[in-house]
Amino acid sequence: MNLPAAAPPPVARAALLATLAVVVWLVLWETVLAPMRPGLSWTVLKAVPLALTLPGLMRASRRARQWATLLLPWYAAEALTRAWSESGRHALVAAVACVLIAAAFVLQLAWFRAERNGPRGSSR
């Protein structure tokens, strides 16, 4: 007998959307909003490692969540560095990236916590 899978917690959907937003923002950052060099740059490929975790996040794979959580601080370090060292539009785009990355990281951690605590109302 196949039981229906439990619906993912709201924090799971929020973490997935935040991570997707980070990937989209990274691509936009290096192609349209504030590229390092005019024209298409190889730096847009920095979004690939995080993008590779998205299919696993959609399946609620614990391993994909672990990888995403390990990758996000590296993106935050670059965004903080560029927000601090650049000016104008470039700094603003990097600051927005910092906020998105921090939100994705916190939501990933909240997803782990929700998984550890189990269904609502039960504590271990």
Protein backbone atom coordinates (compact mmCIF):
# COMPACT_ATOMS: atom_id res chain seq x y z
CA MET A 1 0.00 0.00 0.00
CA ASN A 2 1.43 3.38 -1.04
CA LEU A 3 0.88 6.12 1.46
CA PRO A 4 0.81 9.69 0.18
CA ALA A 5 3.95 11.63 0.96
CA ALA A 6 3.62 14.24 3.64
CA ALA A 7 3.39 17.78 2.37
CA PRO A 8 6.64 19.67 2.79
CA PRO A 9 6.65 22.18 5.62
CA PRO A 10 6.25 25.85 4.66
CA VAL A 11 9.86 26.49 5.62
CA ALA A 12 10.92 23.95 2.97
CA ARG A 13 9.11 25.86 0.24
CA ALA A 14 10.53 29.14 1.51
CA ALA A 15 14.08 27.73 1.58
CA LEU A 16 13.71 26.38 -1.95
CA LEU A 17 12.36 29.70 -3.24
CA ALA A 18 15.08 31.68 -1.47
CA THR A 19 17.81 29.45 -2.92
CA LEU A 20 16.25 29.75 -6.37
CA ALA A 21 16.15 33.53 -5.91
CA VAL A 22 19.87 33.52 -5.05
CA VAL A 23 20.71 31.54 -8.20
CA VAL A 24 18.62 33.86 -10.39
CA TRP A 25 20.11 36.95 -8.73
CA LEU A 26 23.67 35.66 -9.24
CA VAL A 27 23.02 35.14 -12.95
CA LEU A 28 21.37 38.55 -13.31
CA TRP A 29 24.18 40.16 -11.32
CA GLU A 30 26.88 38.97 -13.70
CA THR A 31 24.93 39.34 -16.96
CA VAL A 32 22.70 42.41 -16.67
CA LEU A 33 22.70 44.28 -13.37
CA ALA A 34 26.40 44.85 -12.59
CA PRO A 35 28.79 42.62 -14.52
CA MET A 36 32.50 42.78 -13.71
CA ARG A 37 33.26 43.35 -17.39
CA PRO A 38 30.99 44.53 -20.19
CA GLY A 39 29.52 41.69 -22.20
CA LEU A 40 29.10 38.10 -21.14
CA SER A 41 31.67 37.10 -18.55
CA TRP A 42 32.74 33.70 -17.31
CA THR A 43 31.93 34.84 -13.77
CA VAL A 44 28.29 33.96 -14.45
CA LEU A 45 29.36 30.34 -14.00
CA LYS A 46 29.70 30.96 -10.26
CA ALA A 47 25.96 30.20 -9.98
CA VAL A 48 26.36 26.66 -11.33
CA PRO A 49 27.36 24.85 -8.09
CA LEU A 50 24.34 26.25 -6.24
CA ALA A 51 22.07 25.65 -9.22
CA LEU A 52 23.10 21.99 -9.21
CA THR A 53 21.54 21.62 -5.75
CA LEU A 54 18.10 22.83 -6.90
CA PRO A 55 16.79 19.48 -8.23
CA GLY A 56 17.75 17.84 -4.94
CA LEU A 57 16.14 20.64 -2.96
CA MET A 58 12.94 20.12 -4.94
CA ARG A 59 13.00 16.45 -3.91
CA ALA A 60 13.73 17.50 -0.30
CA SER A 61 17.04 15.63 -0.42
CA ARG A 62 18.95 16.05 2.81
CA ARG A 63 22.28 15.78 0.97
CA ALA A 64 21.33 18.61 -1.42
CA ARG A 65 20.33 20.77 1.54
CA GLN A 66 23.67 20.06 3.19
CA TRP A 67 25.54 21.07 0.04
CA ALA A 68 23.48 24.23 -0.40
CA THR A 69 24.09 25.16 3.24
CA LEU A 70 27.83 24.62 2.79
CA LEU A 71 27.96 26.67 -0.43
CA LEU A 72 25.95 29.70 0.67
CA PRO A 73 28.62 31.20 3.00
CA TRP A 74 31.09 31.31 0.07
CA TYR A 75 28.58 33.31 -1.97
CA ALA A 76 27.98 35.55 1.05
CA ALA A 77 31.71 36.21 1.41
CA GLU A 78 32.00 37.30 -2.22
CA ALA A 79 28.87 39.46 -2.01
CA LEU A 80 30.05 41.14 1.21
CA THR A 81 33.46 41.80 -0.28
CA ARG A 82 32.00 43.32 -3.42
CA ALA A 83 29.41 45.34 -1.48
CA TRP A 84 32.21 46.80 0.64
CA SER A 85 34.77 47.40 -2.09
CA GLU A 86 32.64 48.57 -5.02
CA SER A 87 30.48 51.65 -5.33
CA GLY A 88 27.19 52.71 -6.84
CA ARG A 89 24.99 50.17 -8.54
CA HIS A 90 27.58 47.41 -8.15
CA ALA A 91 27.59 47.79 -4.36
CA LEU A 92 23.79 47.87 -4.23
CA VAL A 93 23.46 44.68 -6.28
CA ALA A 94 26.03 42.98 -4.04
CA ALA A 95 24.18 44.15 -0.91
CA VAL A 96 20.91 42.71 -2.21
CA ALA A 97 22.76 39.47 -2.89
CA CYS A 98 23.95 39.48 0.74
CA VAL A 99 20.38 39.78 2.00
CA LEU A 100 19.09 37.02 -0.31
CA ILE A 101 21.95 34.70 0.61
CA ALA A 102 21.48 35.29 4.33
CA ALA A 103 17.75 34.59 4.01
CA ALA A 104 18.40 31.39 2.06
CA PHE A 105 20.97 30.24 4.62
CA VAL A 106 18.70 30.90 7.61
CA LEU A 107 15.78 29.17 5.88
CA GLN A 108 17.94 26.14 5.09
CA LEU A 109 18.88 25.89 8.76
CA ALA A 110 15.24 26.30 9.76
CA TRP A 111 14.35 23.45 7.39
CA PHE A 112 16.90 21.20 9.13
CA ARG A 113 15.45 22.20 12.48
CA ALA A 114 11.88 21.53 11.34
CA GLU A 115 12.96 18.12 10.10
CA ARG A 116 14.68 17.34 13.38
CA ASN A 117 11.67 18.37 15.43
CA GLY A 118 9.32 16.25 13.36
CA PRO A 119 5.63 16.96 12.87
CA ARG A 120 4.06 19.90 14.63
CA GLY A 121 3.13 19.36 18.20
CA SER A 122 5.57 16.57 18.93
CA SER A 123 8.86 17.05 20.65
CA ARG A 124 11.60 14.55 21.27
